[in-house]
Amino acid sequence: MSGIEIRKTGPRDAEAIMALHRAAASGVSGLAREPDEIEIGYIAKFLSEATITLGAWAGDRLVGEIHAYRMGPRQFHHVVTDLTIAVHPEFQGQGIGGLLFEALFNEARAMAPPVARVELMVRAGNAGAVRLYERMGFVVEGRFADRVRLRDGTVEDDLAMTKFL
């Protein structure tokens, strides 16, 4: 997508990331966290602990963010997990998610030791996200039955998806 810059994020971006995550959580697909669960302490924590944190910027506006953690102990250092991606609802369907994933994959391959496996969880009913992840090369490795309780009280499965780099 033209006009989008992908760059590493840090503490200076915390307020913009919080606003982005709240907007994404309010959308139809949403995030695992509800908007009221997204506060600055949560953002600061993943910015300080995540192995990879990247943002997609349209000018001075943050329109997407992705972060993931290298799994420990060392025998798992070839794995990044607990991946979260958020794209502002106004910018979804424009290729930003794909740009963020490609940048994350490049960062992961460049790590020492390089990452060979990327893991994420996705709500089975989030068809748009599942399609994106499959386009990016992820496959379903497992299913957690009735793991996610939705706002209306219904439950649905959570899918464990993996991509090998």
N, C-alpha and C. Protein backbone atom coordinates (compact mmCIF):
# COMPACT_ATOMS: atom_id res chain seq x y z
N MET A 1 0.85 -1.19 0.00
CA MET A 1 0.00 0.00 0.00
C MET A 1 0.88 1.24 0.00
N SER A 2 0.60 2.15 -0.84
CA SER A 2 1.38 3.37 -0.98
C SER A 2 1.11 4.32 0.18
N GLY A 3 2.17 5.00 0.61
CA GLY A 3 2.01 6.00 1.65
C GLY A 3 2.03 5.46 3.06
N ILE A 4 2.27 4.17 3.24
CA ILE A 4 2.34 3.57 4.57
C ILE A 4 3.79 3.30 4.90
N GLU A 5 4.21 3.74 6.08
CA GLU A 5 5.56 3.49 6.56
C GLU A 5 5.48 2.53 7.74
N ILE A 6 6.27 1.46 7.69
CA ILE A 6 6.35 0.51 8.80
C ILE A 6 7.63 0.81 9.56
N ARG A 7 7.50 1.00 10.87
CA ARG A 7 8.69 1.24 11.69
C ARG A 7 8.47 0.68 13.09
N LYS A 8 9.60 0.47 13.79
CA LYS A 8 9.53 -0.02 15.17
C LYS A 8 8.81 1.00 16.04
N THR A 9 8.07 0.48 17.01
CA THR A 9 7.37 1.36 17.95
C THR A 9 8.08 1.30 19.30
N GLY A 10 7.82 2.31 20.10
CA GLY A 10 8.42 2.39 21.43
C GLY A 10 7.55 3.19 22.36
N PRO A 11 8.06 3.49 23.55
CA PRO A 11 7.27 4.21 24.56
C PRO A 11 6.69 5.53 24.06
N ARG A 12 7.37 6.21 23.16
CA ARG A 12 6.87 7.50 22.63
C ARG A 12 5.56 7.32 21.86
N ASP A 13 5.27 6.07 21.44
CA ASP A 13 4.08 5.79 20.65
C ASP A 13 2.91 5.25 21.48
N ALA A 14 3.08 5.18 22.79
CA ALA A 14 2.11 4.50 23.65
C ALA A 14 0.69 5.07 23.52
N GLU A 15 0.55 6.38 23.53
CA GLU A 15 -0.79 6.99 23.44
C GLU A 15 -1.44 6.67 22.09
N ALA A 16 -0.68 6.75 21.01
CA ALA A 16 -1.22 6.43 19.69
C ALA A 16 -1.61 4.97 19.59
N ILE A 17 -0.80 4.09 20.17
CA ILE A 17 -1.11 2.66 20.16
C ILE A 17 -2.38 2.39 20.97
N MET A 18 -2.51 3.04 22.12
CA MET A 18 -3.70 2.85 22.94
C MET A 18 -4.95 3.28 22.16
N ALA A 19 -4.90 4.42 21.50
CA ALA A 19 -6.05 4.88 20.72
C ALA A 19 -6.37 3.91 19.59
N LEU A 20 -5.33 3.42 18.91
CA LEU A 20 -5.53 2.45 17.83
C LEU A 20 -6.17 1.17 18.35
N HIS A 21 -5.65 0.61 19.43
CA HIS A 21 -6.19 -0.64 19.97
C HIS A 21 -7.63 -0.45 20.43
N ARG A 22 -7.95 0.68 21.04
CA ARG A 22 -9.34 0.93 21.45
C ARG A 22 -10.26 0.99 20.24
N ALA A 23 -9.81 1.64 19.18
CA ALA A 23 -10.63 1.71 17.96
C ALA A 23 -10.81 0.32 17.36
N ALA A 24 -9.73 -0.44 17.28
CA ALA A 24 -9.81 -1.79 16.72
C ALA A 24 -10.70 -2.69 17.58
N ALA A 25 -10.61 -2.56 18.89
CA ALA A 25 -11.43 -3.37 19.79
C ALA A 25 -12.90 -3.03 19.68
N SER A 26 -13.22 -1.81 19.27
CA SER A 26 -14.61 -1.38 19.12
C SER A 26 -15.23 -1.84 17.81
N GLY A 27 -14.39 -2.27 16.86
CA GLY A 27 -14.88 -2.67 15.55
C GLY A 27 -15.59 -4.01 15.59
N VAL A 28 -16.13 -4.40 14.45
CA VAL A 28 -16.90 -5.64 14.34
C VAL A 28 -16.03 -6.86 14.69
N SER A 29 -14.84 -6.92 14.10
CA SER A 29 -13.95 -8.06 14.37
C SER A 29 -13.36 -7.97 15.76
N GLY A 30 -12.98 -6.78 16.16
CA GLY A 30 -12.49 -6.53 17.49
C GLY A 30 -11.16 -7.19 17.80
N LEU A 31 -10.76 -7.04 19.05
CA LEU A 31 -9.58 -7.68 19.60
C LEU A 31 -10.04 -8.53 20.78
N ALA A 32 -9.13 -9.28 21.34
CA ALA A 32 -9.50 -10.09 22.51
C ALA A 32 -9.88 -9.20 23.69
N ARG A 33 -9.22 -8.07 23.81
CA ARG A 33 -9.54 -7.13 24.89
C ARG A 33 -10.66 -6.19 24.45
N GLU A 34 -11.54 -5.86 25.39
CA GLU A 34 -12.57 -4.85 25.17
C GLU A 34 -11.92 -3.48 25.27
N PRO A 35 -12.52 -2.44 24.66
CA PRO A 35 -11.90 -1.11 24.72
C PRO A 35 -11.57 -0.64 26.13
N ASP A 36 -12.44 -0.93 27.11
CA ASP A 36 -12.18 -0.47 28.47
C ASP A 36 -11.07 -1.26 29.17
N GLU A 37 -10.62 -2.36 28.56
CA GLU A 37 -9.49 -3.13 29.11
C GLU A 37 -8.15 -2.66 28.55
N ILE A 38 -8.20 -1.73 27.63
CA ILE A 38 -6.98 -1.24 26.99
C ILE A 38 -6.61 0.08 27.65
N GLU A 39 -5.63 0.01 28.53
CA GLU A 39 -5.17 1.20 29.23
C GLU A 39 -3.67 1.33 29.06
N ILE A 40 -3.14 2.46 29.44
CA ILE A 40 -1.74 2.78 29.16
C ILE A 40 -0.77 1.79 29.81
N GLY A 41 -1.12 1.24 30.97
CA GLY A 41 -0.25 0.25 31.61
C GLY A 41 -0.10 -1.01 30.77
N TYR A 42 -1.18 -1.46 30.16
CA TYR A 42 -1.13 -2.63 29.27
C TYR A 42 -0.22 -2.34 28.08
N ILE A 43 -0.38 -1.16 27.48
CA ILE A 43 0.43 -0.79 26.32
C ILE A 43 1.91 -0.69 26.72
N ALA A 44 2.19 -0.02 27.82
CA ALA A 44 3.58 0.14 28.28
C ALA A 44 4.22 -1.22 28.55
N LYS A 45 3.44 -2.13 29.10
CA LYS A 45 3.98 -3.47 29.42
C LYS A 45 4.39 -4.20 28.15
N PHE A 46 3.54 -4.24 27.13
CA PHE A 46 3.97 -4.99 25.94
C PHE A 46 5.06 -4.24 25.17
N LEU A 47 5.06 -2.92 25.23
CA LEU A 47 6.15 -2.19 24.57
C LEU A 47 7.50 -2.49 25.22
N SER A 48 7.50 -2.74 26.52
CA SER A 48 8.77 -3.02 27.21
C SER A 48 9.14 -4.50 27.15
N GLU A 49 8.17 -5.39 26.95
CA GLU A 49 8.46 -6.82 27.02
C GLU A 49 8.43 -7.55 25.68
N ALA A 50 7.68 -7.07 24.71
CA ALA A 50 7.57 -7.77 23.43
C ALA A 50 8.91 -7.74 22.71
N THR A 51 9.19 -8.81 22.00
CA THR A 51 10.44 -8.92 21.24
C THR A 51 10.38 -8.09 19.97
N ILE A 52 9.23 -8.07 19.32
CA ILE A 52 9.03 -7.31 18.09
C ILE A 52 7.81 -6.42 18.28
N THR A 53 7.98 -5.12 18.03
CA THR A 53 6.86 -4.17 18.07
C THR A 53 7.00 -3.25 16.86
N LEU A 54 6.00 -3.26 16.00
CA LEU A 54 6.04 -2.49 14.76
C LEU A 54 4.72 -1.76 14.56
N GLY A 55 4.81 -0.58 13.97
CA GLY A 55 3.62 0.20 13.66
C GLY A 55 3.56 0.54 12.18
N ALA A 56 2.34 0.73 11.69
CA ALA A 56 2.10 1.19 10.32
C ALA A 56 1.56 2.61 10.41
N TRP A 57 2.26 3.53 9.75
CA TRP A 57 1.94 4.94 9.84
C TRP A 57 1.50 5.47 8.47
N ALA A 58 0.39 6.19 8.46
CA ALA A 58 -0.06 6.95 7.29
C ALA A 58 0.19 8.42 7.66
N GLY A 59 1.33 8.94 7.23
CA GLY A 59 1.74 10.27 7.69
C GLY A 59 2.06 10.20 9.16
N ASP A 60 1.39 11.05 9.95
CA ASP A 60 1.63 11.03 11.40
C ASP A 60 0.56 10.24 12.15
N ARG A 61 -0.27 9.50 11.43
CA ARG A 61 -1.34 8.72 12.05
C ARG A 61 -0.98 7.24 12.10
N LEU A 62 -1.04 6.66 13.30
CA LEU A 62 -0.82 5.22 13.46
C LEU A 62 -2.09 4.49 13.05
N VAL A 63 -1.98 3.64 12.01
CA VAL A 63 -3.16 2.95 11.49
C VAL A 63 -3.09 1.44 11.69
N GLY A 64 -1.94 0.93 12.17
CA GLY A 64 -1.80 -0.50 12.43
C GLY A 64 -0.64 -0.76 13.36
N GLU A 65 -0.71 -1.86 14.09
CA GLU A 65 0.35 -2.22 15.03
C GLU A 65 0.38 -3.73 15.18
N ILE A 66 1.60 -4.28 15.33
CA ILE A 66 1.77 -5.72 15.54
C ILE A 66 2.88 -5.91 16.55
N HIS A 67 2.70 -6.87 17.44
CA HIS A 67 3.76 -7.22 18.38
C HIS A 67 3.68 -8.69 18.73
N ALA A 68 4.85 -9.24 19.10
CA ALA A 68 4.94 -10.65 19.47
C ALA A 68 6.15 -10.84 20.38
N TYR A 69 6.19 -11.97 21.06
CA TYR A 69 7.21 -12.27 22.06
C TYR A 69 8.01 -13.51 21.67
N ARG A 70 9.32 -13.43 21.86
CA ARG A 70 10.14 -14.63 21.70
C ARG A 70 9.84 -15.52 22.90
N MET A 71 9.58 -16.76 22.61
CA MET A 71 9.23 -17.71 23.66
C MET A 71 10.51 -18.15 24.40
N GLY A 72 10.43 -18.29 25.70
CA GLY A 72 11.55 -18.79 26.51
C GLY A 72 11.14 -20.12 27.11
N PRO A 73 12.02 -20.90 27.63
CA PRO A 73 13.48 -20.80 27.68
C PRO A 73 14.13 -20.99 26.31
N ARG A 74 15.48 -21.05 26.27
CA ARG A 74 16.23 -21.06 25.02
C ARG A 74 15.79 -22.13 24.04
N GLN A 75 15.34 -23.28 24.52
CA GLN A 75 14.94 -24.33 23.57
C GLN A 75 13.76 -23.90 22.71
N PHE A 76 13.09 -22.82 23.10
CA PHE A 76 11.97 -22.28 22.33
C PHE A 76 12.30 -20.95 21.65
N HIS A 77 13.56 -20.55 21.63
CA HIS A 77 13.92 -19.25 21.06
C HIS A 77 13.67 -19.15 19.56
N HIS A 78 13.36 -20.26 18.92
CA HIS A 78 13.02 -20.22 17.49
C HIS A 78 11.55 -19.91 17.27
N VAL A 79 10.82 -19.58 18.36
CA VAL A 79 9.38 -19.35 18.31
C VAL A 79 9.06 -17.94 18.79
N VAL A 80 8.21 -17.23 18.03
CA VAL A 80 7.56 -16.04 18.58
C VAL A 80 6.08 -16.36 18.71
N THR A 81 5.50 -15.85 19.80
CA THR A 81 4.14 -16.24 20.17
C THR A 81 3.39 -15.04 20.73
N ASP A 82 2.18 -15.28 21.18
CA ASP A 82 1.33 -14.23 21.76
C ASP A 82 1.28 -13.01 20.84
N LEU A 83 1.13 -13.26 19.56
CA LEU A 83 1.10 -12.20 18.56
C LEU A 83 -0.24 -11.47 18.62
N THR A 84 -0.17 -10.16 18.57
CA THR A 84 -1.37 -9.32 18.47
C THR A 84 -1.18 -8.37 17.30
N ILE A 85 -2.20 -8.25 16.48
CA ILE A 85 -2.20 -7.29 15.38
C ILE A 85 -3.49 -6.48 15.48
N ALA A 86 -3.37 -5.18 15.29
CA ALA A 86 -4.53 -4.28 15.31
C ALA A 86 -4.42 -3.35 14.11
N VAL A 87 -5.49 -3.25 13.34
CA VAL A 87 -5.57 -2.30 12.23
C VAL A 87 -6.82 -1.45 12.47
N HIS A 88 -6.66 -0.15 12.36
CA HIS A 88 -7.79 0.75 12.58
C HIS A 88 -8.93 0.37 11.63
N PRO A 89 -10.17 0.31 12.13
CA PRO A 89 -11.30 -0.09 11.28
C PRO A 89 -11.41 0.69 9.97
N GLU A 90 -11.04 1.97 9.97
CA GLU A 90 -11.11 2.77 8.74
C GLU A 90 -10.09 2.32 7.69
N PHE A 91 -9.08 1.55 8.11
CA PHE A 91 -8.00 1.16 7.21
C PHE A 91 -7.98 -0.35 6.94
N GLN A 92 -8.94 -1.08 7.47
CA GLN A 92 -8.95 -2.53 7.25
C GLN A 92 -9.29 -2.83 5.80
N GLY A 93 -8.76 -3.94 5.30
CA GLY A 93 -9.00 -4.35 3.92
C GLY A 93 -8.16 -3.62 2.90
N GLN A 94 -7.14 -2.89 3.35
CA GLN A 94 -6.30 -2.11 2.45
C GLN A 94 -4.87 -2.62 2.38
N GLY A 95 -4.61 -3.80 2.94
CA GLY A 95 -3.28 -4.40 2.85
C GLY A 95 -2.34 -4.08 3.99
N ILE A 96 -2.80 -3.32 4.97
CA ILE A 96 -1.92 -2.93 6.08
C ILE A 96 -1.55 -4.14 6.94
N GLY A 97 -2.49 -5.01 7.20
CA GLY A 97 -2.18 -6.22 7.97
C GLY A 97 -1.09 -7.04 7.30
N GLY A 98 -1.17 -7.21 5.99
CA GLY A 98 -0.14 -7.95 5.26
C GLY A 98 1.22 -7.29 5.35
N LEU A 99 1.26 -5.96 5.24
CA LEU A 99 2.52 -5.23 5.38
C LEU A 99 3.13 -5.44 6.76
N LEU A 100 2.28 -5.38 7.79
CA LEU A 100 2.78 -5.58 9.16
C LEU A 100 3.31 -7.00 9.35
N PHE A 101 2.59 -7.99 8.82
CA PHE A 101 3.07 -9.36 8.95
C PHE A 101 4.40 -9.56 8.23
N GLU A 102 4.53 -9.04 7.01
CA GLU A 102 5.78 -9.21 6.28
C GLU A 102 6.94 -8.56 7.03
N ALA A 103 6.71 -7.39 7.61
CA ALA A 103 7.76 -6.72 8.39
C ALA A 103 8.11 -7.54 9.63
N LEU A 104 7.09 -8.11 10.29
CA LEU A 104 7.35 -8.96 11.46
C LEU A 104 8.15 -10.20 11.06
N PHE A 105 7.78 -10.83 9.94
CA PHE A 105 8.51 -12.02 9.49
C PHE A 105 9.97 -11.66 9.20
N ASN A 106 10.21 -10.52 8.57
CA ASN A 106 11.58 -10.10 8.27
C ASN A 106 12.37 -9.85 9.55
N GLU A 107 11.75 -9.18 10.51
CA GLU A 107 12.42 -8.95 11.81
C GLU A 107 12.74 -10.28 12.48
N ALA A 108 11.80 -11.22 12.45
CA ALA A 108 11.99 -12.51 13.11
C ALA A 108 13.12 -13.31 12.47
N ARG A 109 13.19 -13.29 11.14
CA ARG A 109 14.27 -14.01 10.45
C ARG A 109 15.64 -13.41 10.74
N ALA A 110 15.68 -12.12 11.02
CA ALA A 110 16.96 -11.43 11.24
C ALA A 110 17.46 -11.58 12.68
N MET A 111 16.65 -12.13 13.56
CA MET A 111 17.05 -12.28 14.95
C MET A 111 18.10 -13.38 15.07
N ALA A 112 18.87 -13.32 16.16
CA ALA A 112 19.86 -14.36 16.43
C ALA A 112 19.50 -15.03 17.75
N PRO A 113 19.22 -16.33 17.75
CA PRO A 113 19.03 -17.16 16.58
C PRO A 113 17.74 -16.77 15.85
N PRO A 114 17.68 -17.05 14.54
CA PRO A 114 16.50 -16.66 13.78
C PRO A 114 15.25 -17.41 14.24
N VAL A 115 14.13 -16.75 14.10
CA VAL A 115 12.85 -17.36 14.43
C VAL A 115 12.41 -18.22 13.25
N ALA A 116 11.89 -19.40 13.55
CA ALA A 116 11.42 -20.31 12.51
C ALA A 116 9.92 -20.57 12.61
N ARG A 117 9.29 -20.15 13.70
CA ARG A 117 7.88 -20.46 13.94
C ARG A 117 7.20 -19.24 14.56
N VAL A 118 6.05 -18.86 14.00
CA VAL A 118 5.26 -17.74 14.51
C VAL A 118 3.89 -18.30 14.88
N GLU A 119 3.44 -17.99 16.09
CA GLU A 119 2.17 -18.53 16.60
C GLU A 119 1.21 -17.39 16.94
N LEU A 120 -0.08 -17.66 16.76
CA LEU A 120 -1.12 -16.74 17.19
C LEU A 120 -2.40 -17.51 17.49
N MET A 121 -3.29 -16.83 18.19
CA MET A 121 -4.62 -17.37 18.47
C MET A 121 -5.64 -16.43 17.83
N VAL A 122 -6.72 -17.02 17.31
CA VAL A 122 -7.76 -16.22 16.69
C VAL A 122 -9.12 -16.86 16.96
N ARG A 123 -10.08 -16.00 17.22
CA ARG A 123 -11.45 -16.47 17.44
C ARG A 123 -11.96 -17.08 16.14
N ALA A 124 -12.49 -18.29 16.22
CA ALA A 124 -12.93 -19.02 15.02
C ALA A 124 -13.94 -18.23 14.20
N GLY A 125 -14.77 -17.44 14.84
CA GLY A 125 -15.78 -16.67 14.13
C GLY A 125 -15.27 -15.39 13.49
N ASN A 126 -14.01 -15.06 13.70
CA ASN A 126 -13.43 -13.85 13.10
C ASN A 126 -12.93 -14.20 11.71
N ALA A 127 -13.87 -14.38 10.79
CA ALA A 127 -13.57 -14.91 9.45
C ALA A 127 -12.57 -14.04 8.69
N GLY A 128 -12.67 -12.72 8.81
CA GLY A 128 -11.74 -11.84 8.11
C GLY A 128 -10.31 -12.04 8.58
N ALA A 129 -10.13 -12.15 9.88
CA ALA A 129 -8.79 -12.37 10.43
C ALA A 129 -8.26 -13.74 10.02
N VAL A 130 -9.10 -14.76 10.09
CA VAL A 130 -8.67 -16.11 9.70
C VAL A 130 -8.23 -16.11 8.24
N ARG A 131 -8.98 -15.45 7.36
CA ARG A 131 -8.59 -15.37 5.94
C ARG A 131 -7.25 -14.67 5.77
N LEU A 132 -7.05 -13.55 6.48
CA LEU A 132 -5.78 -12.85 6.41
C LEU A 132 -4.63 -13.76 6.84
N TYR A 133 -4.81 -14.42 7.97
CA TYR A 133 -3.73 -15.27 8.49
C TYR A 133 -3.43 -16.42 7.53
N GLU A 134 -4.46 -16.99 6.94
CA GLU A 134 -4.23 -18.06 5.97
C GLU A 134 -3.51 -17.53 4.73
N ARG A 135 -3.87 -16.32 4.27
CA ARG A 135 -3.16 -15.71 3.14
C ARG A 135 -1.69 -15.48 3.48
N MET A 136 -1.40 -15.21 4.74
CA MET A 136 -0.03 -14.96 5.18
C MET A 136 0.73 -16.26 5.42
N GLY A 137 0.07 -17.41 5.23
CA GLY A 137 0.75 -18.70 5.34
C GLY A 137 0.53 -19.44 6.64
N PHE A 138 -0.32 -18.93 7.51
CA PHE A 138 -0.62 -19.62 8.77
C PHE A 138 -1.56 -20.80 8.49
N VAL A 139 -1.41 -21.85 9.30
CA VAL A 139 -2.30 -23.00 9.24
C VAL A 139 -2.84 -23.25 10.65
N VAL A 140 -4.04 -23.81 10.72
CA VAL A 140 -4.63 -24.15 12.00
C VAL A 140 -3.95 -25.40 12.54
N GLU A 141 -3.41 -25.30 13.74
CA GLU A 141 -2.78 -26.45 14.38
C GLU A 141 -3.64 -27.03 15.50
N GLY A 142 -4.58 -26.25 15.98
CA GLY A 142 -5.41 -26.75 17.06
C GLY A 142 -6.63 -25.88 17.28
N ARG A 143 -7.54 -26.39 18.07
CA ARG A 143 -8.80 -25.71 18.35
C ARG A 143 -9.10 -25.87 19.83
N PHE A 144 -9.39 -24.75 20.48
CA PHE A 144 -9.80 -24.74 21.88
C PHE A 144 -11.30 -24.50 21.91
N ALA A 145 -12.06 -25.55 22.18
CA ALA A 145 -13.52 -25.48 22.13
C ALA A 145 -14.07 -24.54 23.21
N ASP A 146 -15.02 -23.70 22.79
CA ASP A 146 -15.76 -22.81 23.70
C ASP A 146 -14.84 -21.99 24.61
N ARG A 147 -13.73 -21.53 24.08
CA ARG A 147 -12.74 -20.80 24.89
C ARG A 147 -13.05 -19.31 24.99
N VAL A 148 -13.75 -18.75 24.01
CA VAL A 148 -13.97 -17.31 23.95
C VAL A 148 -15.42 -17.00 24.27
N ARG A 149 -15.63 -16.17 25.30
CA ARG A 149 -16.99 -15.72 25.63
C ARG A 149 -17.16 -14.33 25.04
N LEU A 150 -18.14 -14.19 24.16
CA LEU A 150 -18.39 -12.94 23.47
C LEU A 150 -19.25 -12.00 24.31
N ARG A 151 -19.36 -10.75 23.86
CA ARG A 151 -20.12 -9.72 24.60
C ARG A 151 -21.55 -10.15 24.88
N ASP A 152 -22.16 -10.89 23.94
CA ASP A 152 -23.55 -11.30 24.10
C ASP A 152 -23.71 -12.56 24.94
N GLY A 153 -22.60 -13.08 25.47
CA GLY A 153 -22.66 -14.26 26.33
C GLY A 153 -22.44 -15.58 25.61
N THR A 154 -22.49 -15.58 24.27
CA THR A 154 -22.23 -16.81 23.53
C THR A 154 -20.74 -17.13 23.59
N VAL A 155 -20.44 -18.40 23.33
CA VAL A 155 -19.03 -18.81 23.31
C VAL A 155 -18.69 -19.38 21.94
N GLU A 156 -17.43 -19.29 21.59
CA GLU A 156 -16.97 -19.91 20.35
C GLU A 156 -15.54 -20.40 20.55
N ASP A 157 -15.08 -21.15 19.56
CA ASP A 157 -13.76 -21.76 19.63
C ASP A 157 -12.66 -20.73 19.34
N ASP A 158 -11.49 -21.02 19.87
CA ASP A 158 -10.28 -20.26 19.61
C ASP A 158 -9.38 -21.16 18.78
N LEU A 159 -8.82 -20.63 17.71
CA LEU A 159 -7.95 -21.42 16.84
C LEU A 159 -6.49 -21.08 17.12
N ALA A 160 -5.65 -22.10 17.25
CA ALA A 160 -4.21 -21.93 17.35
C ALA A 160 -3.65 -22.05 15.94
N MET A 161 -3.01 -20.98 15.46
CA MET A 161 -2.48 -20.96 14.09
C MET A 161 -0.97 -20.75 14.13
N THR A 162 -0.28 -21.36 13.16
CA THR A 162 1.17 -21.32 13.11
C THR A 162 1.63 -21.07 11.68
N LYS A 163 2.72 -20.31 11.57
CA LYS A 163 3.41 -20.15 10.28
C LYS A 163 4.87 -20.50 10.53
N PHE A 164 5.44 -21.29 9.61
CA PHE A 164 6.85 -21.61 9.65
C PHE A 164 7.56 -20.69 8.67
N LEU A 165 8.63 -20.07 9.13
CA LEU A 165 9.39 -19.14 8.28
C LEU A 165 10.46 -19.88 7.50
